[in-house]
Amino acid sequence: MSGQTLTDRIAAAQYQLTGSDVARAVCKATTHEVMAPKKKHLEYLISTTNETNVNIPQMADTLFERSTNASWVVVFKALTTTHHICIYGNERFIQYLASRTSLFNLSNFIDKTGSHVI
């Protein structure tokens, strides 16, 4: 699959309309494309964790939301992006994650996309 899917484009447009650049970047980092998250989106998310006015809970919640997607690719990229932000982002992100009673609920995850990559 090359390029973003229509679903990815619609989700990014919805976040852009709401004015959330962080949510839009999370959406773009966790597309349905079978490839790693793009470096520019990861770098943007990491740099925003160092800004004082960034909404860390919104960033984390958007990642949690993306991890409930039916596509294994989106779920994997959401987990990879979260890991990347934990390693290279501001400590406030990890502190927020630590303050939550639950993080990712993957117990009911079943890939419904039918795509198999070898």
PDB file of N, CA and C in Angstrom:
ATOM      1  N   MET A   1       0.856  -1.160   0.000  1.00  0.00           N
ATOM      2  CA  MET A   1       0.000   0.000   0.000  1.00  0.00           C
ATOM      3  C   MET A   1       0.911   1.235   0.000  1.00  0.00           C
ATOM      4  N   SER A   2       0.723   2.101  -0.961  1.00  0.00           N
ATOM      5  CA  SER A   2       1.567   3.284  -1.009  1.00  0.00           C
ATOM      6  C   SER A   2       0.727   4.518  -0.719  1.00  0.00           C
ATOM      7  N   GLY A   3       1.281   5.444   0.026  1.00  0.00           N
ATOM      8  CA  GLY A   3       0.572   6.661   0.379  1.00  0.00           C
ATOM      9  C   GLY A   3      -0.425   6.437   1.496  1.00  0.00           C
ATOM     10  N   GLN A   4      -0.981   7.526   1.965  1.00  0.00           N
ATOM     11  CA  GLN A   4      -1.964   7.443   3.038  1.00  0.00           C
ATOM     12  C   GLN A   4      -3.294   6.954   2.491  1.00  0.00           C
ATOM     13  N   THR A   5      -4.009   6.226   3.316  1.00  0.00           N
ATOM     14  CA  THR A   5      -5.343   5.781   2.924  1.00  0.00           C
ATOM     15  C   THR A   5      -6.316   6.946   3.074  1.00  0.00           C
ATOM     16  N   LEU A   6      -7.482   6.789   2.497  1.00  0.00           N
ATOM     17  CA  LEU A   6      -8.523   7.808   2.612  1.00  0.00           C
ATOM     18  C   LEU A   6      -8.894   8.012   4.075  1.00  0.00           C
ATOM     19  N   THR A   7      -8.939   6.922   4.837  1.00  0.00           N
ATOM     20  CA  THR A   7      -9.246   7.007   6.269  1.00  0.00           C
ATOM     21  C   THR A   7      -8.218   7.871   6.999  1.00  0.00           C
ATOM     22  N   ASP A   8      -6.939   7.677   6.661  1.00  0.00           N
ATOM     23  CA  ASP A   8      -5.872   8.472   7.275  1.00  0.00           C
ATOM     24  C   ASP A   8      -6.033   9.951   6.938  1.00  0.00           C
ATOM     25  N   ARG A   9      -6.344  10.234   5.694  1.00  0.00           N
ATOM     26  CA  ARG A   9      -6.493  11.632   5.262  1.00  0.00           C
ATOM     27  C   ARG A   9      -7.679  12.300   5.938  1.00  0.00           C
ATOM     28  N   ILE A  10      -8.773  11.569   6.077  1.00  0.00           N
ATOM     29  CA  ILE A  10      -9.965  12.119   6.732  1.00  0.00           C
ATOM     30  C   ILE A  10      -9.681  12.390   8.207  1.00  0.00           C
ATOM     31  N   ALA A  11      -9.030  11.441   8.880  1.00  0.00           N
ATOM     32  CA  ALA A  11      -8.707  11.620  10.303  1.00  0.00           C
ATOM     33  C   ALA A  11      -7.789  12.816  10.499  1.00  0.00           C
ATOM     34  N   ALA A  12      -6.773  12.964   9.647  1.00  0.00           N
ATOM     35  CA  ALA A  12      -5.859  14.103   9.762  1.00  0.00           C
ATOM     36  C   ALA A  12      -6.598  15.409   9.517  1.00  0.00           C
ATOM     37  N   ALA A  13      -7.521  15.419   8.560  1.00  0.00           N
ATOM     38  CA  ALA A  13      -8.297  16.629   8.273  1.00  0.00           C
ATOM     39  C   ALA A  13      -9.204  16.996   9.449  1.00  0.00           C
ATOM     40  N   GLN A  14      -9.789  15.979  10.098  1.00  0.00           N
ATOM     41  CA  GLN A  14     -10.644  16.242  11.258  1.00  0.00           C
ATOM     42  C   GLN A  14      -9.845  16.890  12.385  1.00  0.00           C
ATOM     43  N   TYR A  15      -8.642  16.371  12.637  1.00  0.00           N
ATOM     44  CA  TYR A  15      -7.810  16.949  13.682  1.00  0.00           C
ATOM     45  C   TYR A  15      -7.354  18.355  13.306  1.00  0.00           C
ATOM     46  N   GLN A  16      -7.117  18.590  12.019  1.00  0.00           N
ATOM     47  CA  GLN A  16      -6.703  19.913  11.576  1.00  0.00           C
ATOM     48  C   GLN A  16      -7.842  20.912  11.773  1.00  0.00           C
ATOM     49  N   LEU A  17      -9.074  20.481  11.514  1.00  0.00           N
ATOM     50  CA  LEU A  17     -10.230  21.362  11.697  1.00  0.00           C
ATOM     51  C   LEU A  17     -10.437  21.724  13.156  1.00  0.00           C
ATOM     52  N   THR A  18     -10.115  20.805  14.060  1.00  0.00           N
ATOM     53  CA  THR A  18     -10.269  21.087  15.489  1.00  0.00           C
ATOM     54  C   THR A  18      -9.133  21.962  16.006  1.00  0.00           C
ATOM     55  N   GLY A  19      -8.109  22.172  15.174  1.00  0.00           N
ATOM     56  CA  GLY A  19      -7.000  23.036  15.564  1.00  0.00           C
ATOM     57  C   GLY A  19      -5.942  22.341  16.389  1.00  0.00           C
ATOM     58  N   SER A  20      -5.960  21.022  16.427  1.00  0.00           N
ATOM     59  CA  SER A  20      -4.998  20.291  17.227  1.00  0.00           C
ATOM     60  C   SER A  20      -3.848  19.790  16.351  1.00  0.00           C
ATOM     61  N   ASP A  21      -2.759  20.529  16.340  1.00  0.00           N
ATOM     62  CA  ASP A  21      -1.584  20.123  15.571  1.00  0.00           C
ATOM     63  C   ASP A  21      -0.957  18.859  16.142  1.00  0.00           C
ATOM     64  N   VAL A  22      -1.017  18.712  17.462  1.00  0.00           N
ATOM     65  CA  VAL A  22      -0.448  17.528  18.110  1.00  0.00           C
ATOM     66  C   VAL A  22      -1.233  16.284  17.708  1.00  0.00           C
ATOM     67  N   ALA A  23      -2.552  16.352  17.774  1.00  0.00           N
ATOM     68  CA  ALA A  23      -3.383  15.204  17.394  1.00  0.00           C
ATOM     69  C   ALA A  23      -3.202  14.881  15.913  1.00  0.00           C
ATOM     70  N   ARG A  24      -3.061  15.897  15.097  1.00  0.00           N
ATOM     71  CA  ARG A  24      -2.841  15.690  13.665  1.00  0.00           C
ATOM     72  C   ARG A  24      -1.506  14.974  13.438  1.00  0.00           C
ATOM     73  N   ALA A  25      -0.463  15.384  14.166  1.00  0.00           N
ATOM     74  CA  ALA A  25       0.850  14.743  14.033  1.00  0.00           C
ATOM     75  C   ALA A  25       0.799  13.293  14.507  1.00  0.00           C
ATOM     76  N   VAL A  26       0.052  13.027  15.576  1.00  0.00           N
ATOM     77  CA  VAL A  26      -0.112  11.648  16.049  1.00  0.00           C
ATOM     78  C   VAL A  26      -0.800  10.821  14.965  1.00  0.00           C
ATOM     79  N   CYS A  27      -1.833  11.382  14.366  1.00  0.00           N
ATOM     80  CA  CYS A  27      -2.554  10.684  13.308  1.00  0.00           C
ATOM     81  C   CYS A  27      -1.638  10.405  12.118  1.00  0.00           C
ATOM     82  N   LYS A  28      -0.818  11.363  11.755  1.00  0.00           N
ATOM     83  CA  LYS A  28       0.090  11.185  10.623  1.00  0.00           C
ATOM     84  C   LYS A  28       1.221  10.198  10.958  1.00  0.00           C
ATOM     85  N   ALA A  29       1.614  10.134  12.204  1.00  0.00           N
ATOM     86  CA  ALA A  29       2.656   9.179  12.613  1.00  0.00           C
ATOM     87  C   ALA A  29       2.120   7.756  12.684  1.00  0.00           C
ATOM     88  N   THR A  30       0.802   7.619  12.797  1.00  0.00           N
ATOM     89  CA  THR A  30       0.197   6.294  12.978  1.00  0.00           C
ATOM     90  C   THR A  30      -0.753   5.950  11.830  1.00  0.00           C
ATOM     91  N   THR A  31      -0.309   6.174  10.615  1.00  0.00           N
ATOM     92  CA  THR A  31      -1.133   5.881   9.440  1.00  0.00           C
ATOM     93  C   THR A  31      -1.208   4.377   9.184  1.00  0.00           C
ATOM     94  N   HIS A  32      -2.016   4.000   8.217  1.00  0.00           N
ATOM     95  CA  HIS A  32      -2.186   2.602   7.828  1.00  0.00           C
ATOM     96  C   HIS A  32      -1.062   2.103   6.923  1.00  0.00           C
ATOM     97  N   GLU A  33      -0.142   2.970   6.534  1.00  0.00           N
ATOM     98  CA  GLU A  33       0.966   2.565   5.673  1.00  0.00           C
ATOM     99  C   GLU A  33       1.849   1.557   6.398  1.00  0.00           C
ATOM    100  N   VAL A  34       2.219   0.493   5.713  1.00  0.00           N
ATOM    101  CA  VAL A  34       3.066  -0.524   6.316  1.00  0.00           C
ATOM    102  C   VAL A  34       4.521  -0.068   6.198  1.00  0.00           C
ATOM    103  N   MET A  35       4.873   0.849   7.075  1.00  0.00           N
ATOM    104  CA  MET A  35       6.227   1.379   7.179  1.00  0.00           C
ATOM    105  C   MET A  35       6.341   2.070   8.527  1.00  0.00           C
ATOM    106  N   ALA A  36       7.552   2.360   8.928  1.00  0.00           N
ATOM    107  CA  ALA A  36       7.765   3.016  10.225  1.00  0.00           C
ATOM    108  C   ALA A  36       7.140   4.405  10.215  1.00  0.00           C
ATOM    109  N   PRO A  37       6.811   4.941  11.404  1.00  0.00           N
ATOM    110  CA  PRO A  37       6.331   6.326  11.459  1.00  0.00           C
ATOM    111  C   PRO A  37       7.388   7.259  10.864  1.00  0.00           C
ATOM    112  N   LYS A  38       6.921   8.277  10.156  1.00  0.00           N
ATOM    113  CA  LYS A  38       7.867   9.194   9.527  1.00  0.00           C
ATOM    114  C   LYS A  38       8.621   9.993  10.583  1.00  0.00           C
ATOM    115  N   LYS A  39       9.902  10.162  10.328  1.00  0.00           N
ATOM    116  CA  LYS A  39      10.798  10.836  11.261  1.00  0.00           C
ATOM    117  C   LYS A  39      10.323  12.250  11.580  1.00  0.00           C
ATOM    118  N   LYS A  40       9.833  12.969  10.567  1.00  0.00           N
ATOM    119  CA  LYS A  40       9.420  14.358  10.796  1.00  0.00           C
ATOM    120  C   LYS A  40       8.250  14.441  11.788  1.00  0.00           C
ATOM    121  N   HIS A  41       7.358  13.461  11.769  1.00  0.00           N
ATOM    122  CA  HIS A  41       6.232  13.473  12.707  1.00  0.00           C
ATOM    123  C   HIS A  41       6.698  13.117  14.117  1.00  0.00           C
ATOM    124  N   LEU A  42       7.604  12.145  14.218  1.00  0.00           N
ATOM    125  CA  LEU A  42       8.159  11.792  15.533  1.00  0.00           C
ATOM    126  C   LEU A  42       8.933  12.967  16.129  1.00  0.00           C
ATOM    127  N   GLU A  43       9.740  13.619  15.309  1.00  0.00           N
ATOM    128  CA  GLU A  43      10.523  14.763  15.792  1.00  0.00           C
ATOM    129  C   GLU A  43       9.620  15.902  16.241  1.00  0.00           C
ATOM    130  N   TYR A  44       8.522  16.130  15.510  1.00  0.00           N
ATOM    131  CA  TYR A  44       7.583  17.175  15.903  1.00  0.00           C
ATOM    132  C   TYR A  44       6.962  16.848  17.263  1.00  0.00           C
ATOM    133  N   LEU A  45       6.530  15.604  17.434  1.00  0.00           N
ATOM    134  CA  LEU A  45       5.907  15.211  18.703  1.00  0.00           C
ATOM    135  C   LEU A  45       6.900  15.311  19.860  1.00  0.00           C
ATOM    136  N   ILE A  46       8.138  14.913  19.620  1.00  0.00           N
ATOM    137  CA  ILE A  46       9.162  15.013  20.661  1.00  0.00           C
ATOM    138  C   ILE A  46       9.410  16.473  21.023  1.00  0.00           C
ATOM    139  N   SER A  47       9.518  17.325  20.023  1.00  0.00           N
ATOM    140  CA  SER A  47       9.791  18.742  20.300  1.00  0.00           C
ATOM    141  C   SER A  47       8.622  19.396  21.031  1.00  0.00           C
ATOM    142  N   THR A  48       7.395  18.971  20.743  1.00  0.00           N
ATOM    143  CA  THR A  48       6.256  19.585  21.429  1.00  0.00           C
ATOM    144  C   THR A  48       6.196  19.199  22.902  1.00  0.00           C
ATOM    145  N   THR A  49       6.769  18.045  23.269  1.00  0.00           N
ATOM    146  CA  THR A  49       6.751  17.671  24.687  1.00  0.00           C
ATOM    147  C   THR A  49       7.612  18.618  25.519  1.00  0.00           C
ATOM    148  N   ASN A  50       8.516  19.324  24.872  1.00  0.00           N
ATOM    149  CA  ASN A  50       9.372  20.279  25.585  1.00  0.00           C
ATOM    150  C   ASN A  50       8.769  21.673  25.673  1.00  0.00           C
ATOM    151  N   GLU A  51       7.648  21.899  25.015  1.00  0.00           N
ATOM    152  CA  GLU A  51       6.986  23.194  25.081  1.00  0.00           C
ATOM    153  C   GLU A  51       6.117  23.264  26.329  1.00  0.00           C
ATOM    154  N   THR A  52       6.055  24.435  26.925  1.00  0.00           N
ATOM    155  CA  THR A  52       5.303  24.577  28.176  1.00  0.00           C
ATOM    156  C   THR A  52       3.796  24.558  27.962  1.00  0.00           C
ATOM    157  N   ASN A  53       3.341  24.959  26.780  1.00  0.00           N
ATOM    158  CA  ASN A  53       1.891  25.058  26.565  1.00  0.00           C
ATOM    159  C   ASN A  53       1.293  23.848  25.857  1.00  0.00           C
ATOM    160  N   VAL A  54       2.055  22.783  25.706  1.00  0.00           N
ATOM    161  CA  VAL A  54       1.531  21.589  25.024  1.00  0.00           C
ATOM    162  C   VAL A  54       0.608  20.817  25.961  1.00  0.00           C
ATOM    163  N   ASN A  55      -0.414  20.218  25.378  1.00  0.00           N
ATOM    164  CA  ASN A  55      -1.386  19.442  26.133  1.00  0.00           C
ATOM    165  C   ASN A  55      -0.955  17.969  26.112  1.00  0.00           C
ATOM    166  N   ILE A  56      -0.134  17.588  27.072  1.00  0.00           N
ATOM    167  CA  ILE A  56       0.385  16.217  27.164  1.00  0.00           C
ATOM    168  C   ILE A  56      -0.753  15.191  27.277  1.00  0.00           C
ATOM    169  N   PRO A  57      -1.785  15.444  28.113  1.00  0.00           N
ATOM    170  CA  PRO A  57      -2.883  14.471  28.191  1.00  0.00           C
ATOM    171  C   PRO A  57      -3.567  14.246  26.836  1.00  0.00           C
ATOM    172  N   GLN A  58      -3.722  15.306  26.063  1.00  0.00           N
ATOM    173  CA  GLN A  58      -4.340  15.152  24.747  1.00  0.00           C
ATOM    174  C   GLN A  58      -3.461  14.304  23.822  1.00  0.00           C
ATOM    175  N   MET A  59      -2.156  14.532  23.867  1.00  0.00           N
ATOM    176  CA  MET A  59      -1.234  13.744  23.048  1.00  0.00           C
ATOM    177  C   MET A  59      -1.338  12.268  23.418  1.00  0.00           C
ATOM    178  N   ALA A  60      -1.286  11.976  24.712  1.00  0.00           N
ATOM    179  CA  ALA A  60      -1.362  10.586  25.172  1.00  0.00           C
ATOM    180  C   ALA A  60      -2.714   9.975  24.834  1.00  0.00           C
ATOM    181  N   ASP A  61      -3.784  10.716  25.046  1.00  0.00           N
ATOM    182  CA  ASP A  61      -5.119  10.192  24.760  1.00  0.00           C
ATOM    183  C   ASP A  61      -5.308   9.893  23.271  1.00  0.00           C
ATOM    184  N   THR A  62      -4.719  10.721  22.419  1.00  0.00           N
ATOM    185  CA  THR A  62      -4.802  10.467  20.980  1.00  0.00           C
ATOM    186  C   THR A  62      -4.035   9.196  20.628  1.00  0.00           C
ATOM    187  N   LEU A  63      -2.886   8.995  21.258  1.00  0.00           N
ATOM    188  CA  LEU A  63      -2.137   7.749  21.039  1.00  0.00           C
ATOM    189  C   LEU A  63      -2.925   6.544  21.539  1.00  0.00           C
ATOM    190  N   PHE A  64      -3.580   6.678  22.704  1.00  0.00           N
ATOM    191  CA  PHE A  64      -4.401   5.587  23.233  1.00  0.00           C
ATOM    192  C   PHE A  64      -5.553   5.285  22.276  1.00  0.00           C
ATOM    193  N   GLU A  65      -6.161   6.336  21.748  1.00  0.00           N
ATOM    194  CA  GLU A  65      -7.266   6.172  20.804  1.00  0.00           C
ATOM    195  C   GLU A  65      -6.802   5.441  19.547  1.00  0.00           C
ATOM    196  N   ARG A  66      -5.632   5.814  19.039  1.00  0.00           N
ATOM    197  CA  ARG A  66      -5.102   5.162  17.839  1.00  0.00           C
ATOM    198  C   ARG A  66      -4.758   3.690  18.111  1.00  0.00           C
ATOM    199  N   SER A  67      -4.430   3.375  19.359  1.00  0.00           N
ATOM    200  CA  SER A  67      -4.090   1.987  19.682  1.00  0.00           C
ATOM    201  C   SER A  67      -5.323   1.083  19.741  1.00  0.00           C
ATOM    202  N   THR A  68      -6.507   1.653  19.643  1.00  0.00           N
ATOM    203  CA  THR A  68      -7.733   0.850  19.615  1.00  0.00           C
ATOM    204  C   THR A  68      -8.219   0.615  18.189  1.00  0.00           C
ATOM    205  N   ASN A  69      -7.456   1.067  17.208  1.00  0.00           N
ATOM    206  CA  ASN A  69      -7.809   0.901  15.807  1.00  0.00           C
ATOM    207  C   ASN A  69      -7.855  -0.587  15.449  1.00  0.00           C
ATOM    208  N   ALA A  70      -8.634  -0.917  14.439  1.00  0.00           N
ATOM    209  CA  ALA A  70      -8.764  -2.309  14.010  1.00  0.00           C
ATOM    210  C   ALA A  70      -7.538  -2.809  13.252  1.00  0.00           C
ATOM    211  N   SER A  71      -6.727  -1.915  12.763  1.00  0.00           N
ATOM    212  CA  SER A  71      -5.560  -2.295  11.968  1.00  0.00           C
ATOM    213  C   SER A  71      -4.341  -2.525  12.857  1.00  0.00           C
ATOM    214  N   TRP A  72      -3.689  -3.656  12.682  1.00  0.00           N
ATOM    215  CA  TRP A  72      -2.478  -3.943  13.458  1.00  0.00           C
ATOM    216  C   TRP A  72      -1.388  -2.927  13.155  1.00  0.00           C
ATOM    217  N   VAL A  73      -1.368  -2.396  11.941  1.00  0.00           N
ATOM    218  CA  VAL A  73      -0.332  -1.425  11.560  1.00  0.00           C
ATOM    219  C   VAL A  73      -0.475  -0.158  12.394  1.00  0.00           C
ATOM    220  N   VAL A  74      -1.698   0.346  12.522  1.00  0.00           N
ATOM    221  CA  VAL A  74      -1.947   1.567  13.295  1.00  0.00           C
ATOM    222  C   VAL A  74      -1.632   1.331  14.768  1.00  0.00           C
ATOM    223  N   VAL A  75      -2.038   0.195  15.293  1.00  0.00           N
ATOM    224  CA  VAL A  75      -1.778  -0.136  16.703  1.00  0.00           C
ATOM    225  C   VAL A  75      -0.273  -0.220  16.948  1.00  0.00           C
ATOM    226  N   PHE A  76       0.436  -0.924  16.082  1.00  0.00           N
ATOM    227  CA  PHE A  76       1.887  -1.056  16.224  1.00  0.00           C
ATOM    228  C   PHE A  76       2.571   0.310  16.155  1.00  0.00           C
ATOM    229  N   LYS A  77       2.130   1.159  15.224  1.00  0.00           N
ATOM    230  CA  LYS A  77       2.734   2.487  15.095  1.00  0.00           C
ATOM    231  C   LYS A  77       2.400   3.383  16.290  1.00  0.00           C
ATOM    232  N   ALA A  78       1.212   3.214  16.869  1.00  0.00           N
ATOM    233  CA  ALA A  78       0.860   3.983  18.072  1.00  0.00           C
ATOM    234  C   ALA A  78       1.764   3.584  19.237  1.00  0.00           C
ATOM    235  N   LEU A  79       2.004   2.276  19.378  1.00  0.00           N
ATOM    236  CA  LEU A  79       2.888   1.799  20.439  1.00  0.00           C
ATOM    237  C   LEU A  79       4.335   2.242  20.194  1.00  0.00           C
ATOM    238  N   THR A  80       4.773   2.169  18.943  1.00  0.00           N
ATOM    239  CA  THR A  80       6.128   2.595  18.587  1.00  0.00           C
ATOM    240  C   THR A  80       6.314   4.092  18.832  1.00  0.00           C
ATOM    241  N   THR A  81       5.323   4.876  18.451  1.00  0.00           N
ATOM    242  CA  THR A  81       5.388   6.328  18.658  1.00  0.00           C
ATOM    243  C   THR A  81       5.416   6.658  20.143  1.00  0.00           C
ATOM    244  N   THR A  82       4.596   5.967  20.924  1.00  0.00           N
ATOM    245  CA  THR A  82       4.590   6.188  22.380  1.00  0.00           C
ATOM    246  C   THR A  82       5.958   5.856  22.964  1.00  0.00           C
ATOM    247  N   HIS A  83       6.526   4.741  22.557  1.00  0.00           N
ATOM    248  CA  HIS A  83       7.850   4.346  23.033  1.00  0.00           C
ATOM    249  C   HIS A  83       8.900   5.402  22.667  1.00  0.00           C
ATOM    250  N   HIS A  84       8.844   5.868  21.455  1.00  0.00           N
ATOM    251  CA  HIS A  84       9.801   6.871  20.976  1.00  0.00           C
ATOM    252  C   HIS A  84       9.699   8.161  21.801  1.00  0.00           C
ATOM    253  N   ILE A  85       8.470   8.589  22.086  1.00  0.00           N
ATOM    254  CA  ILE A  85       8.279   9.807  22.894  1.00  0.00           C
ATOM    255  C   ILE A  85       8.758   9.571  24.325  1.00  0.00           C
ATOM    256  N   CYS A  86       8.536   8.381  24.861  1.00  0.00           N
ATOM    257  CA  CYS A  86       9.016   8.074  26.216  1.00  0.00           C
ATOM    258  C   CYS A  86      10.537   8.150  26.287  1.00  0.00           C
ATOM    259  N   ILE A  87      11.212   7.661  25.261  1.00  0.00           N
ATOM    260  CA  ILE A  87      12.672   7.631  25.258  1.00  0.00           C
ATOM    261  C   ILE A  87      13.271   9.013  25.014  1.00  0.00           C
ATOM    262  N   TYR A  88      12.760   9.724  24.021  1.00  0.00           N
ATOM    263  CA  TYR A  88      13.397  10.973  23.574  1.00  0.00           C
ATOM    264  C   TYR A  88      12.645  12.245  23.958  1.00  0.00           C
ATOM    265  N   GLY A  89      11.415  12.118  24.420  1.00  0.00           N
ATOM    266  CA  GLY A  89      10.621  13.295  24.774  1.00  0.00           C
ATOM    267  C   GLY A  89      10.876  13.769  26.191  1.00  0.00           C
ATOM    268  N   ASN A  90      10.124  14.776  26.565  1.00  0.00           N
ATOM    269  CA  ASN A  90      10.233  15.351  27.901  1.00  0.00           C
ATOM    270  C   ASN A  90       9.684  14.382  28.944  1.00  0.00           C
ATOM    271  N   GLU A  91      10.250  14.443  30.121  1.00  0.00           N
ATOM    272  CA  GLU A  91       9.854  13.557  31.219  1.00  0.00           C
ATOM    273  C   GLU A  91       8.386  13.736  31.608  1.00  0.00           C
ATOM    274  N   ARG A  92       7.809  14.893  31.295  1.00  0.00           N
ATOM    275  CA  ARG A  92       6.397  15.129  31.631  1.00  0.00           C
ATOM    276  C   ARG A  92       5.479  14.103  30.978  1.00  0.00           C
ATOM    277  N   PHE A  93       5.864  13.626  29.790  1.00  0.00           N
ATOM    278  CA  PHE A  93       5.055  12.626  29.092  1.00  0.00           C
ATOM    279  C   PHE A  93       5.022  11.331  29.901  1.00  0.00           C
ATOM    280  N   ILE A  94       6.172  10.875  30.353  1.00  0.00           N
ATOM    281  CA  ILE A  94       6.245   9.650  31.161  1.00  0.00           C
ATOM    282  C   ILE A  94       5.531   9.841  32.500  1.00  0.00           C
ATOM    283  N   GLN A  95       5.684  11.029  33.087  1.00  0.00           N
ATOM    284  CA  GLN A  95       5.002  11.303  34.353  1.00  0.00           C
ATOM    285  C   GLN A  95       3.491  11.227  34.180  1.00  0.00           C
ATOM    286  N   TYR A  96       2.998  11.740  33.057  1.00  0.00           N
ATOM    287  CA  TYR A  96       1.558  11.655  32.809  1.00  0.00           C
ATOM    288  C   TYR A  96       1.127  10.195  32.648  1.00  0.00           C
ATOM    289  N   LEU A  97       1.890   9.425  31.883  1.00  0.00           N
ATOM    290  CA  LEU A  97       1.552   8.014  31.704  1.00  0.00           C
ATOM    291  C   LEU A  97       1.551   7.280  33.045  1.00  0.00           C
ATOM    292  N   ALA A  98       2.534   7.597  33.893  1.00  0.00           N
ATOM    293  CA  ALA A  98       2.634   6.948  35.202  1.00  0.00           C
ATOM    294  C   ALA A  98       1.463   7.321  36.120  1.00  0.00           C
ATOM    295  N   SER A  99       0.875   8.481  35.909  1.00  0.00           N
ATOM    296  CA  SER A  99      -0.217   8.937  36.770  1.00  0.00           C
ATOM    297  C   SER A  99      -1.560   8.306  36.397  1.00  0.00           C
ATOM    298  N   ARG A 100      -1.644   7.688  35.245  1.00  0.00           N
ATOM    299  CA  ARG A 100      -2.896   7.066  34.787  1.00  0.00           C
ATOM    300  C   ARG A 100      -3.069   5.698  35.438  1.00  0.00           C
ATOM    301  N   THR A 101      -4.315   5.312  35.659  1.00  0.00           N
ATOM    302  CA  THR A 101      -4.576   4.000  36.242  1.00  0.00           C
ATOM    303  C   THR A 101      -4.528   2.897  35.190  1.00  0.00           C
ATOM    304  N   SER A 102      -4.774   3.262  33.941  1.00  0.00           N
ATOM    305  CA  SER A 102      -4.663   2.281  32.857  1.00  0.00           C
ATOM    306  C   SER A 102      -4.069   2.973  31.640  1.00  0.00           C
ATOM    307  N   LEU A 103      -3.403   2.195  30.817  1.00  0.00           N
ATOM    308  CA  LEU A 103      -2.776   2.766  29.631  1.00  0.00           C
ATOM    309  C   LEU A 103      -3.401   2.172  28.372  1.00  0.00           C
ATOM    310  N   PHE A 104      -2.815   1.123  27.877  1.00  0.00           N
ATOM    311  CA  PHE A 104      -3.283   0.520  26.640  1.00  0.00           C
ATOM    312  C   PHE A 104      -4.050  -0.747  26.947  1.00  0.00           C
ATOM    313  N   ASN A 105      -5.256  -0.829  26.434  1.00  0.00           N
ATOM    314  CA  ASN A 105      -6.049  -2.037  26.605  1.00  0.00           C
ATOM    315  C   ASN A 105      -6.019  -2.797  25.286  1.00  0.00           C
ATOM    316  N   LEU A 106      -5.103  -3.744  25.190  1.00  0.00           N
ATOM    317  CA  LEU A 106      -4.953  -4.521  23.962  1.00  0.00           C
ATOM    318  C   LEU A 106      -5.488  -5.947  24.103  1.00  0.00           C
ATOM    319  N   SER A 107      -6.153  -6.236  25.214  1.00  0.00           N
ATOM    320  CA  SER A 107      -6.600  -7.607  25.456  1.00  0.00           C
ATOM    321  C   SER A 107      -7.641  -8.076  24.442  1.00  0.00           C
ATOM    322  N   ASN A 108      -8.403  -7.163  23.884  1.00  0.00           N
ATOM    323  CA  ASN A 108      -9.438  -7.540  22.917  1.00  0.00           C
ATOM    324  C   ASN A 108      -9.006  -7.288  21.479  1.00  0.00           C
ATOM    325  N   PHE A 109      -7.723  -7.025  21.269  1.00  0.00           N
ATOM    326  CA  PHE A 109      -7.272  -6.680  19.925  1.00  0.00           C
ATOM    327  C   PHE A 109      -7.295  -7.886  19.002  1.00  0.00           C
ATOM    328  N   ILE A 110      -7.981  -7.728  17.892  1.00  0.00           N
ATOM    329  CA  ILE A 110      -7.996  -8.723  16.824  1.00  0.00           C
ATOM    330  C   ILE A 110      -7.839  -7.941  15.523  1.00  0.00           C
ATOM    331  N   ASP A 111      -6.846  -8.298  14.728  1.00  0.00           N
ATOM    332  CA  ASP A 111      -6.632  -7.634  13.454  1.00  0.00           C
ATOM    333  C   ASP A 111      -7.750  -8.008  12.498  1.00  0.00           C
ATOM    334  N   LYS A 112      -8.523  -6.996  12.090  1.00  0.00           N
ATOM    335  CA  LYS A 112      -9.649  -7.235  11.193  1.00  0.00           C
ATOM    336  C   LYS A 112      -9.367  -6.764   9.775  1.00  0.00           C
ATOM    337  N   THR A 113      -8.123  -6.388   9.515  1.00  0.00           N
ATOM    338  CA  THR A 113      -7.798  -5.853   8.195  1.00  0.00           C
ATOM    339  C   THR A 113      -7.565  -6.925   7.160  1.00  0.00           C
ATOM    340  N   GLY A 114      -7.148  -8.098   7.583  1.00  0.00           N
ATOM    341  CA  GLY A 114      -6.907  -9.180   6.658  1.00  0.00           C
ATOM    342  C   GLY A 114      -5.623  -9.064   5.881  1.00  0.00           C
ATOM    343  N   SER A 115      -4.813  -8.055   6.187  1.00  0.00           N
ATOM    344  CA  SER A 115      -3.540  -7.911   5.472  1.00  0.00           C
ATOM    345  C   SER A 115      -2.473  -8.682   6.227  1.00  0.00           C
ATOM    346  N   HIS A 116      -1.702  -9.433   5.492  1.00  0.00           N
ATOM    347  CA  HIS A 116      -0.620 -10.228   6.075  1.00  0.00           C
ATOM    348  C   HIS A 116       0.670  -9.836   5.405  1.00  0.00           C
ATOM    349  N   VAL A 117       1.590  -9.346   6.194  1.00  0.00           N
ATOM    350  CA  VAL A 117       2.887  -8.921   5.669  1.00  0.00           C
ATOM    351  C   VAL A 117       3.937  -9.936   6.093  1.00  0.00           C
ATOM    352  N   ILE A 118       4.735 -10.327   5.163  1.00  0.00           N
ATOM    353  CA  ILE A 118       5.792 -11.286   5.485  1.00  0.00           C
ATOM    354  C   ILE A 118       7.124 -10.592   5.342  1.00  0.00           C
TER     355      ILE A 118
END
